[in-house]
Each structure stands twice: as C-alpha cells, then as structure tokens.
Amino acid sequence: MRNTTFKLVVYFCFEIADITVTICENKGPKEISCATGEAISITSAFYGRTRPDSEICPYEQDHQDRTDCVAEGSEAKIRTMCDGKISCSIPSNNAVYGDPCFLTYKYVSVTYRCVHVGKACVN
C-alpha cells in the first residue's frame, strides 16, 4: 500500500476597496502603490475638471471654473503608466495630457484597486 499526500490550497476572497487619489494641476507627480504581491488596477481616471472649484482643488487666481472638461486619452495614459504595477508616479500637468480647458485649473482623479497577483479570486 502506497502513502499518498495531498496538498489542500484554500483561497479566501474578499471585497477589494477602491482608493481615490486627486492631484491638483502642477502639484504632482504623486506616487500610488500597493503591497508586495499586489498590483494596481485602475478603475477610472481622468485629467481635467468635473467638479466645482469649491469642492476640489480650489484656485484663488482668476480663471474659468468649467466643470465639463476631460483631456481625451488621459485615462489610457494613466492606465499605461500604472496598470499591473506595484507602484507608479502620476503627473498632473498639461504637458502630459494636453489642455482640455484653457484657463481652468485642472486635476487628475484616479480610482484604483490593489489586486492580488496570481490568485484564483475574481470579483
């Protein structure tokens, strides 16, 4: 009679919380990171302005307070910088994303999750 050994592997899956980071124009870059064994997964991201000046990145100089501008392709650029990495540095300026709304103070908004690398859990 042979001795047979089995290895039991159990994965515990849990809800992964979203983290949102805001970087005001010309105040970056800002680094985002995850723990060892985890990777960044961008949920959403943009460079521009979608909320009033009084709510996010207030600016005291004369400017237009538009809330309808997002730089085209900014989410794709941020995904390229960060998705799948342990950490990344995100700039917040017109030189990187273009200027979607002249004379409006803008910001980068990034929502991401830290996901376990190589695990069998799916949300």
Protein backbone atom coordinates (compact mmCIF):
# COMPACT_ATOMS: atom_id res chain seq x y z
CA MET A 1 0.00 0.00 0.00
CA ARG A 2 1.39 3.43 -1.04
CA ASN A 3 1.20 6.57 1.05
CA THR A 4 -0.40 9.39 -0.92
CA THR A 5 -0.03 13.00 0.13
CA PHE A 6 -2.42 15.70 -0.94
CA LYS A 7 -1.93 19.41 -0.64
CA LEU A 8 -5.05 21.44 0.09
CA VAL A 9 -4.95 25.04 -1.11
CA VAL A 10 -7.66 27.41 0.04
CA TYR A 11 -8.08 30.97 -1.22
CA PHE A 12 -10.00 33.47 0.82
CA CYS A 13 -11.63 36.04 -1.43
CA PHE A 14 -12.82 39.38 -0.12
CA GLU A 15 -14.15 42.66 -1.41
CA ILE A 16 -11.37 44.94 -2.59
CA ALA A 17 -11.90 48.60 -1.69
CA ASP A 18 -11.42 51.36 -4.24
CA ILE A 19 -8.87 54.07 -3.45
CA THR A 20 -9.33 57.52 -4.98
CA VAL A 21 -6.46 59.98 -5.31
CA THR A 22 -6.69 63.58 -6.54
CA ILE A 23 -3.65 65.50 -7.75
CA CYS A 24 -4.13 69.23 -8.40
CA GLU A 25 -2.62 70.69 -11.58
CA ASN A 26 1.16 71.17 -11.33
CA LYS A 27 1.22 69.63 -7.82
CA GLY A 28 2.43 66.20 -8.92
CA PRO A 29 3.79 63.81 -9.57
CA LYS A 30 2.20 61.66 -6.90
CA GLU A 31 3.08 58.04 -6.31
CA ILE A 32 0.44 55.40 -5.78
CA SER A 33 1.35 51.92 -4.64
CA CYS A 34 0.18 48.53 -3.47
CA ALA A 35 1.68 45.99 -1.09
CA THR A 36 4.09 43.28 -2.23
CA GLY A 37 2.15 40.57 -4.08
CA GLU A 38 -0.46 43.06 -5.27
CA ALA A 39 -0.77 45.16 -8.40
CA ILE A 40 -2.55 48.38 -9.31
CA SER A 41 -5.78 48.02 -11.26
CA ILE A 42 -7.15 51.37 -12.49
CA THR A 43 -10.94 51.60 -12.14
CA SER A 44 -11.24 55.11 -13.60
CA ALA A 45 -9.02 58.10 -14.24
CA PHE A 46 -9.01 61.49 -15.94
CA TYR A 47 -7.22 64.83 -16.20
CA GLY A 48 -9.47 67.88 -16.35
CA ARG A 49 -12.23 69.24 -14.14
CA THR A 50 -15.66 67.74 -13.50
CA ARG A 51 -16.50 69.32 -10.11
CA PRO A 52 -16.74 72.94 -8.97
CA ASP A 53 -13.74 74.84 -7.69
CA SER A 54 -15.20 74.98 -4.19
CA GLU A 55 -15.30 71.17 -3.93
CA ILE A 56 -11.91 70.11 -5.24
CA CYS A 57 -8.55 71.79 -5.95
CA PRO A 58 -9.64 75.37 -5.21
CA TYR A 59 -7.73 78.08 -7.03
CA GLU A 60 -7.62 81.71 -5.94
CA GLN A 61 -6.43 83.43 -9.13
CA ASP A 62 -8.70 84.49 -11.95
CA HIS A 63 -9.71 81.51 -14.00
CA GLN A 64 -12.70 79.89 -15.62
CA ASP A 65 -14.45 77.38 -13.37
CA ARG A 66 -15.58 74.96 -16.07
CA THR A 67 -16.75 71.55 -14.90
CA ASP A 68 -17.17 69.88 -18.27
CA CYS A 69 -13.64 69.17 -19.41
CA VAL A 70 -11.65 65.97 -19.55
CA ALA A 71 -8.47 65.53 -21.58
CA GLU A 72 -9.08 63.00 -24.33
CA GLY A 73 -6.96 59.88 -23.79
CA SER A 74 -5.97 60.81 -20.23
CA GLU A 75 -7.42 57.60 -18.76
CA ALA A 76 -5.49 55.48 -21.28
CA LYS A 77 -2.25 57.32 -20.45
CA ILE A 78 -2.72 56.75 -16.72
CA ARG A 79 -3.57 53.07 -17.30
CA THR A 80 -0.36 52.68 -19.33
CA MET A 81 1.65 54.30 -16.51
CA CYS A 82 0.12 52.24 -13.69
CA ASP A 83 -1.98 49.15 -14.52
CA GLY A 84 -0.33 45.92 -13.36
CA LYS A 85 2.49 47.64 -11.49
CA ILE A 86 3.24 47.64 -7.76
CA SER A 87 3.70 51.43 -7.84
CA CYS A 88 3.69 54.29 -10.31
CA SER A 89 4.18 58.04 -10.40
CA ILE A 90 1.33 60.12 -11.83
CA PRO A 91 1.97 63.66 -13.13
CA SER A 92 -0.72 66.32 -13.24
CA ASN A 93 0.00 68.88 -15.95
CA ASN A 94 -0.89 70.00 -19.46
CA ALA A 95 2.47 68.82 -20.85
CA VAL A 96 1.44 65.18 -20.31
CA TYR A 97 -2.29 65.24 -21.14
CA GLY A 98 -2.84 68.42 -23.18
CA ASP A 99 -5.03 71.32 -22.11
CA PRO A 100 -8.72 70.33 -22.40
CA CYS A 101 -10.00 73.64 -20.98
CA PHE A 102 -7.82 76.72 -21.28
CA LEU A 103 -7.74 79.00 -18.20
CA THR A 104 -9.36 76.35 -15.98
CA TYR A 105 -7.44 74.88 -13.03
CA LYS A 106 -7.45 71.11 -13.56
CA TYR A 107 -6.59 67.96 -11.64
CA VAL A 108 -6.00 64.24 -12.07
CA SER A 109 -8.50 61.95 -10.41
CA VAL A 110 -7.54 58.27 -10.18
CA THR A 111 -9.59 55.48 -8.67
CA TYR A 112 -7.77 52.16 -8.34
CA ARG A 113 -7.68 48.86 -6.51
CA CYS A 114 -4.81 46.74 -5.28
CA VAL A 115 -5.45 43.24 -6.61
CA HIS A 116 -3.64 40.08 -5.62
CA VAL A 117 -1.31 38.80 -8.31
CA GLY A 118 -1.72 35.18 -9.36
CA LYS A 119 -4.67 34.31 -7.11
CA ALA A 120 -7.81 32.49 -8.16
CA CYS A 121 -10.21 35.13 -6.86
CA VAL A 122 -12.42 37.10 -9.21
CA ASN A 123 -14.67 39.96 -8.13
